[in-house]
Amino acid sequence: MKTSLVVTVFNEEKTIDRLLNSLAKQTEKADEIILIDGGSTDRTVEKIKAFKSLKPLPQVIIAKGATIAQGRNRGIEEAKNEIIAMTDAGCEVHPDWFEKITKPFERKDVDIVAGFYRMTGNLVFQKCLACYLGVLPERLDPENFMPSFRSVALKKEIWQKVGGFNEKLEQCGEDTLFNYQAKQSGAKFLTIKEALVDWEMPKTLKEAFQKFYHYAKGDGQINIKPHNLKILAIYSRYLLGILLLILGLSVPIFWSVLALLIALYYFWAIVKNFRDVKALSAIVFLPVIQVISDWAVMAGFLLGSLNGVNKS
């Protein structure tokens, strides 16, 4: 069974060594490695070409200005083999990741293998952020989990059947939409939670806001109902708050109701996630991240919805 590894990169000078070192230590090697660079302006490409420990040596393709979707499509198109594993720059793959994510294709009834990710970071802020940005291991539902393409493998024929990644998507949402369309086409998914990559969480509120914003913008563009309903619930909470604020101008009791709901909302943000962080300072971080994520999601989703790409 011949395999290819495809990775998209862009301005990853600070993180690319960690990824390359982790790929070099794999218990099983890919038959070819393709790195698609979106036109990095730092030393990303230079560092890749100077790294000689990775075998086979990666093929580096410069696709200046390419989005993630365009980069993924270009990499898979160039791949010579039927089984294609994918991860992202900014991640580190565990030593047995490639072996575990490709082995299931020995079976006939597997089209896409959903690997998993471990959200990392030493700061309490990063541990709190992990509760919001991804799926925690104890909350993983293997039967319904849709993979992030930071840890996935698929048959090239499935990519062709779906029509590739939607290149109208600017930054995020391409993997969510691809999963949805693959599911509709009858592709058979298998979750292998042991096929792990490490994904470091952002270290600042600014970086976190940008992540939430871009993810929500992608959700708005792809227009998939399950995602829409979750985000509309966020809008409804704030609309209720605005309504109570307005009503309080004439009936002050409504301000008291609003204050109580805000207090309960902050308390809820702590209670639902504190067990996963177990640090006293999380009492401060969790409510702040909750509010920051709410506003980033509402702004991103609204803008994305105005430029939708999925009409199904």
C-alpha atoms as a PDB file:
ATOM      1  CA  MET A   1       0.000   0.000   0.000  1.00  0.00           C
ATOM      2  CA  LYS A   2       1.685   3.190  -1.241  1.00  0.00           C
ATOM      3  CA  THR A   3       1.097   6.343   0.798  1.00  0.00           C
ATOM      4  CA  SER A   4       1.602  10.088   0.476  1.00  0.00           C
ATOM      5  CA  LEU A   5       1.815  12.803   3.109  1.00  0.00           C
ATOM      6  CA  VAL A   6       0.541  16.292   2.250  1.00  0.00           C
ATOM      7  CA  VAL A   7       1.108  19.352   4.443  1.00  0.00           C
ATOM      8  CA  THR A   8       0.245  23.004   3.786  1.00  0.00           C
ATOM      9  CA  VAL A   9       2.555  25.647   5.282  1.00  0.00           C
ATOM     10  CA  PHE A  10       2.715  29.417   5.411  1.00  0.00           C
ATOM     11  CA  ASN A  11       5.106  31.559   7.459  1.00  0.00           C
ATOM     12  CA  GLU A  12       5.871  28.764   9.930  1.00  0.00           C
ATOM     13  CA  GLU A  13       9.534  29.593  10.551  1.00  0.00           C
ATOM     14  CA  LYS A  14       9.054  29.343  14.333  1.00  0.00           C
ATOM     15  CA  THR A  15       7.231  25.990  14.295  1.00  0.00           C
ATOM     16  CA  ILE A  16       8.346  24.116  11.188  1.00  0.00           C
ATOM     17  CA  ASP A  17      11.335  22.433  12.877  1.00  0.00           C
ATOM     18  CA  ARG A  18       9.049  20.785  15.450  1.00  0.00           C
ATOM     19  CA  LEU A  19       6.855  19.368  12.699  1.00  0.00           C
ATOM     20  CA  LEU A  20       9.775  18.158  10.563  1.00  0.00           C
ATOM     21  CA  ASN A  21      11.514  16.532  13.538  1.00  0.00           C
ATOM     22  CA  SER A  22       8.331  14.712  14.514  1.00  0.00           C
ATOM     23  CA  LEU A  23       7.818  13.483  10.938  1.00  0.00           C
ATOM     24  CA  ALA A  24      11.414  12.231  10.817  1.00  0.00           C
ATOM     25  CA  LYS A  25      10.791  10.045  13.890  1.00  0.00           C
ATOM     26  CA  GLN A  26       7.784   8.157  12.512  1.00  0.00           C
ATOM     27  CA  THR A  27       7.661   4.394  13.047  1.00  0.00           C
ATOM     28  CA  GLU A  28       6.404   4.069   9.487  1.00  0.00           C
ATOM     29  CA  LYS A  29       7.364   6.404   6.652  1.00  0.00           C
ATOM     30  CA  ALA A  30       5.324   7.840   3.821  1.00  0.00           C
ATOM     31  CA  ASP A  31       6.375   6.892   0.295  1.00  0.00           C
ATOM     32  CA  GLU A  32       6.315  10.553  -0.666  1.00  0.00           C
ATOM     33  CA  ILE A  33       6.019  13.851   1.195  1.00  0.00           C
ATOM     34  CA  ILE A  34       4.599  16.979  -0.397  1.00  0.00           C
ATOM     35  CA  LEU A  35       4.747  20.381   1.278  1.00  0.00           C
ATOM     36  CA  ILE A  36       2.673  23.155  -0.267  1.00  0.00           C
ATOM     37  CA  ASP A  37       3.883  26.621   0.713  1.00  0.00           C
ATOM     38  CA  GLY A  38       1.424  29.476   0.294  1.00  0.00           C
ATOM     39  CA  GLY A  39       4.151  32.010  -0.401  1.00  0.00           C
ATOM     40  CA  SER A  40       5.929  32.354   2.928  1.00  0.00           C
ATOM     41  CA  THR A  41       7.844  35.596   3.435  1.00  0.00           C
ATOM     42  CA  ASP A  42       9.966  34.221   6.277  1.00  0.00           C
ATOM     43  CA  ARG A  43      12.522  31.363   6.344  1.00  0.00           C
ATOM     44  CA  THR A  44       9.966  28.523   6.233  1.00  0.00           C
ATOM     45  CA  VAL A  45      10.964  27.153   2.837  1.00  0.00           C
ATOM     46  CA  GLU A  46      14.661  27.674   3.511  1.00  0.00           C
ATOM     47  CA  LYS A  47      14.423  25.642   6.723  1.00  0.00           C
ATOM     48  CA  ILE A  48      12.484  22.857   5.007  1.00  0.00           C
ATOM     49  CA  LYS A  49      15.082  22.534   2.265  1.00  0.00           C
ATOM     50  CA  ALA A  50      17.908  22.549   4.797  1.00  0.00           C
ATOM     51  CA  PHE A  51      16.333  19.748   6.836  1.00  0.00           C
ATOM     52  CA  LYS A  52      17.924  16.502   5.612  1.00  0.00           C
ATOM     53  CA  SER A  53      16.771  14.040   8.288  1.00  0.00           C
ATOM     54  CA  LEU A  54      13.344  13.521   6.735  1.00  0.00           C
ATOM     55  CA  LYS A  55      13.128  10.584   4.351  1.00  0.00           C
ATOM     56  CA  PRO A  56      12.030  10.688   1.660  1.00  0.00           C
ATOM     57  CA  LEU A  57      13.072  14.292   1.198  1.00  0.00           C
ATOM     58  CA  PRO A  58       9.925  16.400   0.793  1.00  0.00           C
ATOM     59  CA  GLN A  59       8.842  17.859  -2.486  1.00  0.00           C
ATOM     60  CA  VAL A  60       8.268  21.572  -1.868  1.00  0.00           C
ATOM     61  CA  ILE A  61       5.746  23.294  -4.101  1.00  0.00           C
ATOM     62  CA  ILE A  62       5.432  27.092  -3.925  1.00  0.00           C
ATOM     63  CA  ALA A  63       1.851  28.229  -4.501  1.00  0.00           C
ATOM     64  CA  LYS A  64       2.057  31.933  -3.747  1.00  0.00           C
ATOM     65  CA  GLY A  65      -1.209  33.337  -2.454  1.00  0.00           C
ATOM     66  CA  ALA A  66      -2.880  29.933  -2.177  1.00  0.00           C
ATOM     67  CA  THR A  67      -5.548  29.518   0.484  1.00  0.00           C
ATOM     68  CA  ILE A  68      -5.551  26.438   2.704  1.00  0.00           C
ATOM     69  CA  ALA A  69      -8.203  24.840   0.480  1.00  0.00           C
ATOM     70  CA  GLN A  70      -6.183  25.561  -2.669  1.00  0.00           C
ATOM     71  CA  GLY A  71      -3.022  24.253  -1.026  1.00  0.00           C
ATOM     72  CA  ARG A  72      -4.699  21.027   0.078  1.00  0.00           C
ATOM     73  CA  ASN A  73      -6.132  20.479  -3.400  1.00  0.00           C
ATOM     74  CA  ARG A  74      -2.793  21.137  -5.073  1.00  0.00           C
ATOM     75  CA  GLY A  75      -0.999  18.730  -2.758  1.00  0.00           C
ATOM     76  CA  ILE A  76      -3.491  15.908  -3.262  1.00  0.00           C
ATOM     77  CA  GLU A  77      -3.545  16.515  -6.997  1.00  0.00           C
ATOM     78  CA  GLU A  78       0.249  16.178  -7.130  1.00  0.00           C
ATOM     79  CA  ALA A  79       0.289  13.074  -4.915  1.00  0.00           C
ATOM     80  CA  LYS A  80       1.137   9.869  -6.797  1.00  0.00           C
ATOM     81  CA  ASN A  81      -0.491   7.488  -4.338  1.00  0.00           C
ATOM     82  CA  GLU A  82      -4.054   6.521  -3.450  1.00  0.00           C
ATOM     83  CA  ILE A  83      -3.741   6.824   0.342  1.00  0.00           C
ATOM     84  CA  ILE A  84      -3.054  10.373   1.506  1.00  0.00           C
ATOM     85  CA  ALA A  85      -2.381  11.484   5.083  1.00  0.00           C
ATOM     86  CA  MET A  86      -2.579  15.143   6.038  1.00  0.00           C
ATOM     87  CA  THR A  87      -1.505  17.320   8.928  1.00  0.00           C
ATOM     88  CA  ASP A  88      -0.819  21.023   9.414  1.00  0.00           C
ATOM     89  CA  ALA A  89       2.198  23.157  10.118  1.00  0.00           C
ATOM     90  CA  GLY A  90       2.104  24.301  13.709  1.00  0.00           C
ATOM     91  CA  CYS A  91       1.460  20.730  14.866  1.00  0.00           C
ATOM     92  CA  GLU A  92       3.716  17.921  16.038  1.00  0.00           C
ATOM     93  CA  VAL A  93       2.763  14.356  15.145  1.00  0.00           C
ATOM     94  CA  HIS A  94       3.253  11.525  17.612  1.00  0.00           C
ATOM     95  CA  PRO A  95       5.874   8.898  16.586  1.00  0.00           C
ATOM     96  CA  ASP A  96       3.275   6.294  15.555  1.00  0.00           C
ATOM     97  CA  TRP A  97       0.835   8.781  14.011  1.00  0.00           C
ATOM     98  CA  PHE A  98       1.456   7.927  10.360  1.00  0.00           C
ATOM     99  CA  GLU A  99       1.365   4.203  11.020  1.00  0.00           C
ATOM    100  CA  LYS A 100      -1.893   4.372  12.948  1.00  0.00           C
ATOM    101  CA  ILE A 101      -3.664   6.725  10.570  1.00  0.00           C
ATOM    102  CA  THR A 102      -2.851   4.708   7.433  1.00  0.00           C
ATOM    103  CA  LYS A 103      -3.077   1.117   8.693  1.00  0.00           C
ATOM    104  CA  PRO A 104      -6.933   1.030   8.656  1.00  0.00           C
ATOM    105  CA  PHE A 105      -6.863   1.252   4.856  1.00  0.00           C
ATOM    106  CA  GLU A 106      -5.893  -2.412   4.805  1.00  0.00           C
ATOM    107  CA  ARG A 107      -9.629  -2.868   5.291  1.00  0.00           C
ATOM    108  CA  LYS A 108     -11.982  -2.452   2.331  1.00  0.00           C
ATOM    109  CA  ASP A 109     -14.668  -0.567   4.256  1.00  0.00           C
ATOM    110  CA  VAL A 110     -12.652   2.567   5.152  1.00  0.00           C
ATOM    111  CA  ASP A 111     -12.545   5.730   3.057  1.00  0.00           C
ATOM    112  CA  ILE A 112     -11.510   8.375   5.596  1.00  0.00           C
ATOM    113  CA  VAL A 113      -9.612   7.908   8.850  1.00  0.00           C
ATOM    114  CA  ALA A 114     -10.229  10.554  11.478  1.00  0.00           C
ATOM    115  CA  GLY A 115      -7.214  10.927  13.697  1.00  0.00           C
ATOM    116  CA  PHE A 116      -7.316  13.030  16.818  1.00  0.00           C
ATOM    117  CA  TYR A 117      -5.388  15.903  18.368  1.00  0.00           C
ATOM    118  CA  ARG A 118      -4.051  16.764  21.797  1.00  0.00           C
ATOM    119  CA  MET A 119      -4.368  20.457  22.628  1.00  0.00           C
ATOM    120  CA  THR A 120      -1.182  21.520  24.362  1.00  0.00           C
ATOM    121  CA  GLY A 121       0.165  24.477  26.302  1.00  0.00           C
ATOM    122  CA  ASN A 122       1.724  25.040  29.711  1.00  0.00           C
ATOM    123  CA  LEU A 123      -0.211  28.213  30.532  1.00  0.00           C
ATOM    124  CA  VAL A 124      -3.485  27.999  32.432  1.00  0.00           C
ATOM    125  CA  PHE A 125      -4.905  30.332  29.779  1.00  0.00           C
ATOM    126  CA  GLN A 126      -4.050  27.778  27.079  1.00  0.00           C
ATOM    127  CA  LYS A 127      -5.651  24.970  29.076  1.00  0.00           C
ATOM    128  CA  CYS A 128      -8.805  27.054  29.471  1.00  0.00           C
ATOM    129  CA  LEU A 129      -8.793  27.887  25.771  1.00  0.00           C
ATOM    130  CA  ALA A 130      -8.657  24.186  24.907  1.00  0.00           C
ATOM    131  CA  CYS A 131     -12.142  23.815  26.418  1.00  0.00           C
ATOM    132  CA  TYR A 132     -13.485  26.114  23.698  1.00  0.00           C
ATOM    133  CA  LEU A 133     -11.322  25.595  20.610  1.00  0.00           C
ATOM    134  CA  GLY A 134     -11.461  21.829  20.149  1.00  0.00           C
ATOM    135  CA  VAL A 135     -12.829  18.510  21.362  1.00  0.00           C
ATOM    136  CA  LEU A 136     -11.448  17.257  24.660  1.00  0.00           C
ATOM    137  CA  PRO A 137     -10.588  13.515  24.768  1.00  0.00           C
ATOM    138  CA  GLU A 138     -13.253  12.698  27.348  1.00  0.00           C
ATOM    139  CA  ARG A 139     -15.896  14.364  25.155  1.00  0.00           C
ATOM    140  CA  LEU A 140     -14.951  12.539  21.972  1.00  0.00           C
ATOM    141  CA  ASP A 141     -17.796  10.665  20.290  1.00  0.00           C
ATOM    142  CA  PRO A 142     -15.976   8.311  17.870  1.00  0.00           C
ATOM    143  CA  GLU A 143     -19.147   7.467  15.957  1.00  0.00           C
ATOM    144  CA  ASN A 144     -19.956  11.070  15.052  1.00  0.00           C
ATOM    145  CA  PHE A 145     -16.575  12.802  15.198  1.00  0.00           C
ATOM    146  CA  MET A 146     -15.725  14.710  12.034  1.00  0.00           C
ATOM    147  CA  PRO A 147     -11.959  15.070  11.610  1.00  0.00           C
ATOM    148  CA  SER A 148      -9.865  18.166  11.524  1.00  0.00           C
ATOM    149  CA  PHE A 149      -7.392  17.881   8.680  1.00  0.00           C
ATOM    150  CA  ARG A 150      -4.551  18.428  11.117  1.00  0.00           C
ATOM    151  CA  SER A 151      -4.916  14.653  11.631  1.00  0.00           C
ATOM    152  CA  VAL A 152      -6.608  12.745   8.828  1.00  0.00           C
ATOM    153  CA  ALA A 153      -6.034  10.269   6.020  1.00  0.00           C
ATOM    154  CA  LEU A 154      -8.237   9.537   3.021  1.00  0.00           C
ATOM    155  CA  LYS A 155      -8.464   7.774  -0.292  1.00  0.00           C
ATOM    156  CA  LYS A 156      -7.741  10.022  -3.229  1.00  0.00           C
ATOM    157  CA  GLU A 157     -10.839   8.706  -4.977  1.00  0.00           C
ATOM    158  CA  ILE A 158     -13.016  10.170  -2.193  1.00  0.00           C
ATOM    159  CA  TRP A 159     -11.391  13.569  -2.682  1.00  0.00           C
ATOM    160  CA  GLN A 160     -12.164  13.279  -6.396  1.00  0.00           C
ATOM    161  CA  LYS A 161     -15.734  12.170  -5.748  1.00  0.00           C
ATOM    162  CA  VAL A 162     -16.410  15.129  -3.465  1.00  0.00           C
ATOM    163  CA  GLY A 163     -14.792  17.528  -5.906  1.00  0.00           C
ATOM    164  CA  GLY A 164     -11.941  18.549  -3.627  1.00  0.00           C
ATOM    165  CA  PHE A 165     -11.924  21.316  -1.059  1.00  0.00           C
ATOM    166  CA  ASN A 166     -14.048  24.350  -1.831  1.00  0.00           C
ATOM    167  CA  GLU A 167     -11.560  26.978  -2.965  1.00  0.00           C
ATOM    168  CA  LYS A 168     -13.966  29.858  -2.372  1.00  0.00           C
ATOM    169  CA  LEU A 169     -13.292  29.492   1.346  1.00  0.00           C
ATOM    170  CA  GLU A 170     -10.642  31.975   2.380  1.00  0.00           C
ATOM    171  CA  GLN A 171      -9.124  30.566   5.583  1.00  0.00           C
ATOM    172  CA  CYS A 172     -11.291  28.109   7.509  1.00  0.00           C
ATOM    173  CA  GLY A 173     -14.208  25.750   7.053  1.00  0.00           C
ATOM    174  CA  GLU A 174     -12.799  23.785   4.131  1.00  0.00           C
ATOM    175  CA  ASP A 175     -12.353  20.609   6.179  1.00  0.00           C
ATOM    176  CA  THR A 176     -15.808  20.888   7.804  1.00  0.00           C
ATOM    177  CA  LEU A 177     -17.494  21.301   4.427  1.00  0.00           C
ATOM    178  CA  PHE A 178     -15.423  18.485   2.912  1.00  0.00           C
ATOM    179  CA  ASN A 179     -16.434  16.145   5.752  1.00  0.00           C
ATOM    180  CA  TYR A 180     -20.083  17.042   5.300  1.00  0.00           C
ATOM    181  CA  GLN A 181     -19.975  16.474   1.546  1.00  0.00           C
ATOM    182  CA  ALA A 182     -18.006  13.230   1.945  1.00  0.00           C
ATOM    183  CA  LYS A 183     -20.610  11.991   4.409  1.00  0.00           C
ATOM    184  CA  GLN A 184     -23.365  12.852   1.934  1.00  0.00           C
ATOM    185  CA  SER A 185     -21.521  10.950  -0.801  1.00  0.00           C
ATOM    186  CA  GLY A 186     -21.521   7.792   1.324  1.00  0.00           C
ATOM    187  CA  ALA A 187     -17.869   7.846   2.415  1.00  0.00           C
ATOM    188  CA  LYS A 188     -17.117   5.520   5.326  1.00  0.00           C
ATOM    189  CA  PHE A 189     -15.361   7.237   8.253  1.00  0.00           C
ATOM    190  CA  LEU A 190     -13.352   5.515  10.960  1.00  0.00           C
ATOM    191  CA  THR A 191     -12.080   7.334  14.068  1.00  0.00           C
ATOM    192  CA  ILE A 192      -8.691   6.293  15.427  1.00  0.00           C
ATOM    193  CA  LYS A 193      -8.224   8.455  18.511  1.00  0.00           C
ATOM    194  CA  GLU A 194      -4.717   7.059  19.054  1.00  0.00           C
ATOM    195  CA  ALA A 195      -3.515   8.662  15.798  1.00  0.00           C
ATOM    196  CA  LEU A 196      -2.471  11.820  17.611  1.00  0.00           C
ATOM    197  CA  VAL A 197      -0.969  15.161  16.749  1.00  0.00           C
ATOM    198  CA  ASP A 198      -0.129  17.885  19.258  1.00  0.00           C
ATOM    199  CA  TRP A 199      -1.747  21.232  18.542  1.00  0.00           C
ATOM    200  CA  GLU A 200      -0.469  24.128  20.654  1.00  0.00           C
ATOM    201  CA  MET A 201      -3.103  26.581  21.836  1.00  0.00           C
ATOM    202  CA  PRO A 202      -2.712  30.342  21.268  1.00  0.00           C
ATOM    203  CA  LYS A 203      -1.022  32.204  24.116  1.00  0.00           C
ATOM    204  CA  THR A 204      -2.838  35.557  23.936  1.00  0.00           C
ATOM    205  CA  LEU A 205      -6.419  36.820  23.829  1.00  0.00           C
ATOM    206  CA  LYS A 206      -5.724  38.460  20.477  1.00  0.00           C
ATOM    207  CA  GLU A 207      -4.624  35.171  18.909  1.00  0.00           C
ATOM    208  CA  ALA A 208      -7.576  33.373  20.496  1.00  0.00           C
ATOM    209  CA  PHE A 209     -10.046  35.972  19.165  1.00  0.00           C
ATOM    210  CA  GLN A 210      -8.612  35.574  15.670  1.00  0.00           C
ATOM    211  CA  LYS A 211      -8.977  31.763  15.835  1.00  0.00           C
ATOM    212  CA  PHE A 212     -12.607  31.963  16.942  1.00  0.00           C
ATOM    213  CA  TYR A 213     -13.343  34.640  14.365  1.00  0.00           C
ATOM    214  CA  HIS A 214     -11.879  32.750  11.412  1.00  0.00           C
ATOM    215  CA  TYR A 215     -13.501  29.446  12.412  1.00  0.00           C
ATOM    216  CA  ALA A 216     -16.896  31.139  12.747  1.00  0.00           C
ATOM    217  CA  LYS A 217     -16.445  32.970   9.458  1.00  0.00           C
ATOM    218  CA  GLY A 218     -15.853  29.604   7.800  1.00  0.00           C
ATOM    219  CA  ASP A 219     -18.987  28.208   9.466  1.00  0.00           C
ATOM    220  CA  GLY A 220     -20.965  31.152   8.124  1.00  0.00           C
ATOM    221  CA  GLN A 221     -19.636  30.609   4.622  1.00  0.00           C
ATOM    222  CA  ILE A 222     -20.360  26.882   4.495  1.00  0.00           C
ATOM    223  CA  ASN A 223     -23.882  27.283   5.924  1.00  0.00           C
ATOM    224  CA  ILE A 224     -24.405  23.882   7.550  1.00  0.00           C
ATOM    225  CA  LYS A 225     -27.455  23.729   9.825  1.00  0.00           C
ATOM    226  CA  PRO A 226     -25.965  21.997  12.906  1.00  0.00           C
ATOM    227  CA  HIS A 227     -23.266  24.673  13.094  1.00  0.00           C
ATOM    228  CA  ASN A 228     -25.745  27.457  12.391  1.00  0.00           C
ATOM    229  CA  LEU A 229     -28.054  26.419  15.236  1.00  0.00           C
ATOM    230  CA  LYS A 230     -25.242  26.497  17.789  1.00  0.00           C
ATOM    231  CA  ILE A 231     -24.177  29.960  16.699  1.00  0.00           C
ATOM    232  CA  LEU A 232     -27.739  31.285  16.562  1.00  0.00           C
ATOM    233  CA  ALA A 233     -28.070  30.241  20.213  1.00  0.00           C
ATOM    234  CA  ILE A 234     -25.223  32.652  21.019  1.00  0.00           C
ATOM    235  CA  TYR A 235     -26.967  35.494  19.184  1.00  0.00           C
ATOM    236  CA  SER A 236     -30.199  34.758  21.059  1.00  0.00           C
ATOM    237  CA  ARG A 237     -28.472  35.069  24.454  1.00  0.00           C
ATOM    238  CA  TYR A 238     -27.177  38.533  23.661  1.00  0.00           C
ATOM    239  CA  LEU A 239     -30.427  39.648  22.052  1.00  0.00           C
ATOM    240  CA  LEU A 240     -32.193  38.685  25.270  1.00  0.00           C
ATOM    241  CA  GLY A 241     -29.652  40.755  27.206  1.00  0.00           C
ATOM    242  CA  ILE A 242     -30.237  43.782  24.970  1.00  0.00           C
ATOM    243  CA  LEU A 243     -34.020  43.375  25.348  1.00  0.00           C
ATOM    244  CA  LEU A 244     -33.769  43.275  29.142  1.00  0.00           C
ATOM    245  CA  LEU A 245     -31.492  46.313  29.065  1.00  0.00           C
ATOM    246  CA  ILE A 246     -34.050  48.279  27.033  1.00  0.00           C
ATOM    247  CA  LEU A 247     -36.969  47.147  29.188  1.00  0.00           C
ATOM    248  CA  GLY A 248     -35.017  48.208  32.256  1.00  0.00           C
ATOM    249  CA  LEU A 249     -35.214  51.835  31.112  1.00  0.00           C
ATOM    250  CA  SER A 250     -38.897  51.857  32.039  1.00  0.00           C
ATOM    251  CA  VAL A 251     -39.114  48.939  34.504  1.00  0.00           C
ATOM    252  CA  PRO A 252     -35.919  48.801  36.612  1.00  0.00           C
ATOM    253  CA  ILE A 253     -36.635  45.246  37.787  1.00  0.00           C
ATOM    254  CA  PHE A 254     -35.509  44.049  34.357  1.00  0.00           C
ATOM    255  CA  TRP A 255     -32.017  45.356  35.121  1.00  0.00           C
ATOM    256  CA  SER A 256     -31.954  43.135  38.175  1.00  0.00           C
ATOM    257  CA  VAL A 257     -33.006  40.191  36.018  1.00  0.00           C
ATOM    258  CA  LEU A 258     -30.252  41.036  33.533  1.00  0.00           C
ATOM    259  CA  ALA A 259     -27.652  41.262  36.302  1.00  0.00           C
ATOM    260  CA  LEU A 260     -28.732  37.878  37.640  1.00  0.00           C
ATOM    261  CA  LEU A 261     -28.522  36.272  34.172  1.00  0.00           C
ATOM    262  CA  ILE A 262     -25.048  37.738  33.597  1.00  0.00           C
ATOM    263  CA  ALA A 263     -23.887  36.346  36.934  1.00  0.00           C
ATOM    264  CA  LEU A 264     -25.347  32.939  36.094  1.00  0.00           C
ATOM    265  CA  TYR A 265     -23.688  33.049  32.653  1.00  0.00           C
ATOM    266  CA  TYR A 266     -20.291  33.715  34.200  1.00  0.00           C
ATOM    267  CA  PHE A 267     -20.872  30.985  36.765  1.00  0.00           C
ATOM    268  CA  TRP A 268     -21.929  28.555  34.017  1.00  0.00           C
ATOM    269  CA  ALA A 269     -18.729  29.301  32.036  1.00  0.00           C
ATOM    270  CA  ILE A 270     -16.709  28.282  35.086  1.00  0.00           C
ATOM    271  CA  VAL A 271     -18.728  25.247  36.167  1.00  0.00           C
ATOM    272  CA  LYS A 272     -18.907  23.564  32.747  1.00  0.00           C
ATOM    273  CA  ASN A 273     -15.136  23.659  32.194  1.00  0.00           C
ATOM    274  CA  PHE A 274     -13.335  24.005  35.541  1.00  0.00           C
ATOM    275  CA  ARG A 275     -13.025  20.232  35.993  1.00  0.00           C
ATOM    276  CA  ASP A 276     -10.943  20.089  32.787  1.00  0.00           C
ATOM    277  CA  VAL A 277      -8.505  22.771  33.949  1.00  0.00           C
ATOM    278  CA  LYS A 278      -8.395  22.436  37.740  1.00  0.00           C
ATOM    279  CA  ALA A 279      -6.486  25.660  38.387  1.00  0.00           C
ATOM    280  CA  LEU A 280      -7.698  28.496  40.564  1.00  0.00           C
ATOM    281  CA  SER A 281      -6.897  31.172  37.970  1.00  0.00           C
ATOM    282  CA  ALA A 282      -9.281  29.418  35.580  1.00  0.00           C
ATOM    283  CA  ILE A 283     -12.053  31.161  37.518  1.00  0.00           C
ATOM    284  CA  VAL A 284     -10.879  34.356  35.836  1.00  0.00           C
ATOM    285  CA  PHE A 285      -9.891  33.010  32.431  1.00  0.00           C
ATOM    286  CA  LEU A 286     -12.923  30.848  31.628  1.00  0.00           C
ATOM    287  CA  PRO A 287     -15.586  33.615  31.745  1.00  0.00           C
ATOM    288  CA  VAL A 288     -13.308  35.994  29.822  1.00  0.00           C
ATOM    289  CA  ILE A 289     -12.689  33.420  27.092  1.00  0.00           C
ATOM    290  CA  GLN A 290     -16.430  32.659  26.984  1.00  0.00           C
ATOM    291  CA  VAL A 291     -17.276  36.303  26.252  1.00  0.00           C
ATOM    292  CA  ILE A 292     -14.374  36.806  23.840  1.00  0.00           C
ATOM    293  CA  SER A 293     -15.357  33.675  21.926  1.00  0.00           C
ATOM    294  CA  ASP A 294     -19.005  34.776  21.813  1.00  0.00           C
ATOM    295  CA  TRP A 295     -18.216  38.109  20.215  1.00  0.00           C
ATOM    296  CA  ALA A 296     -15.615  36.678  17.843  1.00  0.00           C
ATOM    297  CA  VAL A 297     -18.048  33.976  16.744  1.00  0.00           C
ATOM    298  CA  MET A 298     -20.926  36.388  16.205  1.00  0.00           C
ATOM    299  CA  ALA A 299     -18.764  38.786  14.181  1.00  0.00           C
ATOM    300  CA  GLY A 300     -17.125  36.050  12.097  1.00  0.00           C
ATOM    301  CA  PHE A 301     -20.344  34.152  11.427  1.00  0.00           C
ATOM    302  CA  LEU A 302     -22.165  37.300  10.326  1.00  0.00           C
ATOM    303  CA  LEU A 303     -19.446  38.262   7.863  1.00  0.00           C
ATOM    304  CA  GLY A 304     -19.117  34.706   6.588  1.00  0.00           C
ATOM    305  CA  SER A 305     -22.867  34.380   6.059  1.00  0.00           C
ATOM    306  CA  LEU A 306     -22.788  37.414   3.765  1.00  0.00           C
ATOM    307  CA  ASN A 307     -20.346  35.541   1.536  1.00  0.00           C
ATOM    308  CA  GLY A 308     -21.667  31.975   1.643  1.00  0.00           C
ATOM    309  CA  VAL A 309     -20.251  29.299  -0.636  1.00  0.00           C
ATOM    310  CA  ASN A 310     -22.393  26.232   0.164  1.00  0.00           C
ATOM    311  CA  LYS A 311     -25.804  26.463  -1.459  1.00  0.00           C
ATOM    312  CA  SER A 312     -26.900  22.899  -0.695  1.00  0.00           C
END
